[in-house]
N, C-alpha and C. Protein backbone atom coordinates (compact mmCIF):
# COMPACT_ATOMS: atom_id res chain seq x y z
N MET A 1 -46.11 -122.60 -132.23
CA MET A 1 -46.47 -123.37 -131.05
C MET A 1 -45.73 -124.71 -131.10
N LEU A 2 -45.24 -125.11 -129.96
CA LEU A 2 -44.52 -126.37 -129.87
C LEU A 2 -45.48 -127.54 -129.80
N GLU A 3 -45.04 -128.65 -130.34
CA GLU A 3 -45.83 -129.88 -130.20
C GLU A 3 -45.62 -130.40 -128.79
N GLU A 4 -46.54 -131.20 -128.31
CA GLU A 4 -46.45 -131.73 -126.96
C GLU A 4 -45.18 -132.56 -126.74
N SER A 5 -44.59 -133.08 -127.80
CA SER A 5 -43.40 -133.91 -127.65
C SER A 5 -42.20 -133.14 -127.12
N TYR A 6 -42.28 -131.80 -127.10
CA TYR A 6 -41.16 -131.03 -126.56
C TYR A 6 -40.91 -131.39 -125.10
N ARG A 7 -41.91 -131.82 -124.40
CA ARG A 7 -41.76 -132.18 -122.99
C ARG A 7 -40.80 -133.35 -122.81
N ASP A 8 -40.64 -134.17 -123.83
CA ASP A 8 -39.70 -135.29 -123.76
C ASP A 8 -38.27 -134.80 -123.54
N LEU A 9 -37.96 -133.59 -123.98
CA LEU A 9 -36.62 -133.04 -123.81
C LEU A 9 -36.24 -132.90 -122.35
N TYR A 10 -37.21 -132.70 -121.48
CA TYR A 10 -36.93 -132.58 -120.05
C TYR A 10 -36.30 -133.85 -119.50
N ASN A 11 -36.61 -134.98 -120.10
CA ASN A 11 -36.04 -136.26 -119.66
C ASN A 11 -34.56 -136.37 -119.99
N TYR A 12 -34.05 -135.49 -120.82
CA TYR A 12 -32.65 -135.51 -121.22
C TYR A 12 -31.85 -134.38 -120.58
N GLY A 13 -32.41 -133.78 -119.55
CA GLY A 13 -31.69 -132.74 -118.81
C GLY A 13 -31.83 -131.34 -119.37
N ILE A 14 -32.68 -131.16 -120.34
CA ILE A 14 -32.92 -129.82 -120.88
C ILE A 14 -34.00 -129.17 -120.04
N ASP A 15 -33.67 -128.03 -119.44
CA ASP A 15 -34.59 -127.37 -118.52
C ASP A 15 -35.34 -126.20 -119.12
N VAL A 16 -34.78 -125.58 -120.16
CA VAL A 16 -35.39 -124.38 -120.74
C VAL A 16 -35.32 -124.48 -122.26
N ILE A 17 -36.36 -124.04 -122.92
CA ILE A 17 -36.40 -124.02 -124.38
C ILE A 17 -36.69 -122.59 -124.81
N PHE A 18 -35.84 -122.06 -125.68
CA PHE A 18 -36.02 -120.72 -126.21
C PHE A 18 -36.29 -120.80 -127.71
N PRO A 19 -37.47 -120.40 -128.16
CA PRO A 19 -37.71 -120.39 -129.61
C PRO A 19 -36.91 -119.27 -130.26
N ILE A 20 -36.56 -119.44 -131.53
CA ILE A 20 -35.81 -118.37 -132.20
C ILE A 20 -36.72 -117.40 -132.93
N THR A 21 -38.00 -117.69 -132.97
CA THR A 21 -38.95 -116.75 -133.57
C THR A 21 -39.98 -116.34 -132.52
N LYS A 22 -40.60 -115.21 -132.74
CA LYS A 22 -41.62 -114.73 -131.81
C LYS A 22 -43.00 -115.25 -132.16
N GLY A 23 -43.09 -115.97 -133.25
CA GLY A 23 -44.35 -116.54 -133.70
C GLY A 23 -44.10 -117.29 -134.99
N PRO A 24 -45.15 -117.83 -135.58
CA PRO A 24 -45.00 -118.59 -136.82
C PRO A 24 -44.47 -117.72 -137.96
N ILE A 25 -43.48 -118.22 -138.67
CA ILE A 25 -42.98 -117.57 -139.88
C ILE A 25 -42.66 -118.66 -140.89
N SER A 26 -42.56 -118.28 -142.13
CA SER A 26 -42.30 -119.26 -143.18
C SER A 26 -40.84 -119.72 -143.12
N LEU A 27 -40.58 -120.86 -143.72
CA LEU A 27 -39.22 -121.37 -143.81
C LEU A 27 -38.34 -120.37 -144.55
N GLU A 28 -38.88 -119.77 -145.60
CA GLU A 28 -38.13 -118.78 -146.37
C GLU A 28 -37.73 -117.59 -145.50
N GLN A 29 -38.68 -117.09 -144.70
CA GLN A 29 -38.38 -115.97 -143.81
C GLN A 29 -37.34 -116.36 -142.75
N SER A 30 -37.48 -117.56 -142.20
CA SER A 30 -36.56 -117.98 -141.16
C SER A 30 -35.15 -118.16 -141.70
N MET A 31 -35.02 -118.67 -142.92
CA MET A 31 -33.70 -118.84 -143.52
C MET A 31 -33.09 -117.49 -143.89
N LYS A 32 -33.91 -116.60 -144.39
CA LYS A 32 -33.44 -115.27 -144.79
C LYS A 32 -32.95 -114.48 -143.58
N ASN A 33 -33.62 -114.65 -142.44
CA ASN A 33 -33.33 -113.86 -141.25
C ASN A 33 -32.65 -114.68 -140.15
N ALA A 34 -32.05 -115.80 -140.50
CA ALA A 34 -31.47 -116.71 -139.51
C ALA A 34 -30.47 -116.03 -138.59
N SER A 35 -29.56 -115.25 -139.15
CA SER A 35 -28.53 -114.60 -138.32
C SER A 35 -29.16 -113.68 -137.28
N THR A 36 -30.09 -112.87 -137.71
CA THR A 36 -30.75 -111.94 -136.79
C THR A 36 -31.56 -112.69 -135.75
N LEU A 37 -32.28 -113.72 -136.17
CA LEU A 37 -33.10 -114.50 -135.24
C LEU A 37 -32.23 -115.15 -134.17
N ILE A 38 -31.10 -115.70 -134.58
CA ILE A 38 -30.21 -116.36 -133.62
C ILE A 38 -29.55 -115.34 -132.69
N GLU A 39 -29.14 -114.21 -133.23
CA GLU A 39 -28.54 -113.17 -132.39
C GLU A 39 -29.55 -112.66 -131.37
N ASP A 40 -30.77 -112.42 -131.79
CA ASP A 40 -31.81 -111.94 -130.87
C ASP A 40 -32.08 -112.98 -129.78
N THR A 41 -32.11 -114.24 -130.15
CA THR A 41 -32.34 -115.30 -129.18
C THR A 41 -31.19 -115.40 -128.20
N ALA A 42 -29.97 -115.30 -128.69
CA ALA A 42 -28.79 -115.33 -127.81
C ALA A 42 -28.86 -114.19 -126.80
N GLU A 43 -29.29 -113.03 -127.25
CA GLU A 43 -29.41 -111.88 -126.34
C GLU A 43 -30.46 -112.15 -125.26
N ARG A 44 -31.60 -112.73 -125.65
CA ARG A 44 -32.63 -113.06 -124.66
C ARG A 44 -32.14 -114.09 -123.67
N ILE A 45 -31.37 -115.07 -124.15
CA ILE A 45 -30.82 -116.09 -123.26
C ILE A 45 -29.86 -115.46 -122.26
N MET A 46 -28.99 -114.58 -122.73
CA MET A 46 -28.03 -113.93 -121.83
C MET A 46 -28.75 -113.07 -120.78
N LYS A 47 -29.80 -112.39 -121.18
CA LYS A 47 -30.58 -111.61 -120.22
C LYS A 47 -31.22 -112.52 -119.18
N PHE A 48 -31.69 -113.66 -119.63
CA PHE A 48 -32.29 -114.65 -118.72
C PHE A 48 -31.26 -115.15 -117.72
N ILE A 49 -30.07 -115.48 -118.20
CA ILE A 49 -28.99 -115.96 -117.33
C ILE A 49 -28.59 -114.88 -116.33
N LYS A 50 -28.53 -113.64 -116.78
CA LYS A 50 -28.13 -112.53 -115.92
C LYS A 50 -29.08 -112.36 -114.73
N ILE A 51 -30.32 -112.70 -114.90
CA ILE A 51 -31.31 -112.58 -113.83
C ILE A 51 -30.88 -113.43 -112.63
N PHE A 52 -30.28 -114.59 -112.88
CA PHE A 52 -29.95 -115.53 -111.82
C PHE A 52 -28.53 -115.41 -111.31
N LYS A 53 -27.79 -114.41 -111.74
CA LYS A 53 -26.42 -114.23 -111.24
C LYS A 53 -26.39 -113.23 -110.13
């Protein structure tokens, strides 16, 4: 879950935030699976962009 301070990013022109995990995971798990997590997130972002084209 994001902290409420994430809303401050909207003031800097950021309109969308995509988490790289589907829920809470340990730092060890996130580092071990970083490549897969980032690839999966990139795929979700591209699908999101495709919706608006």
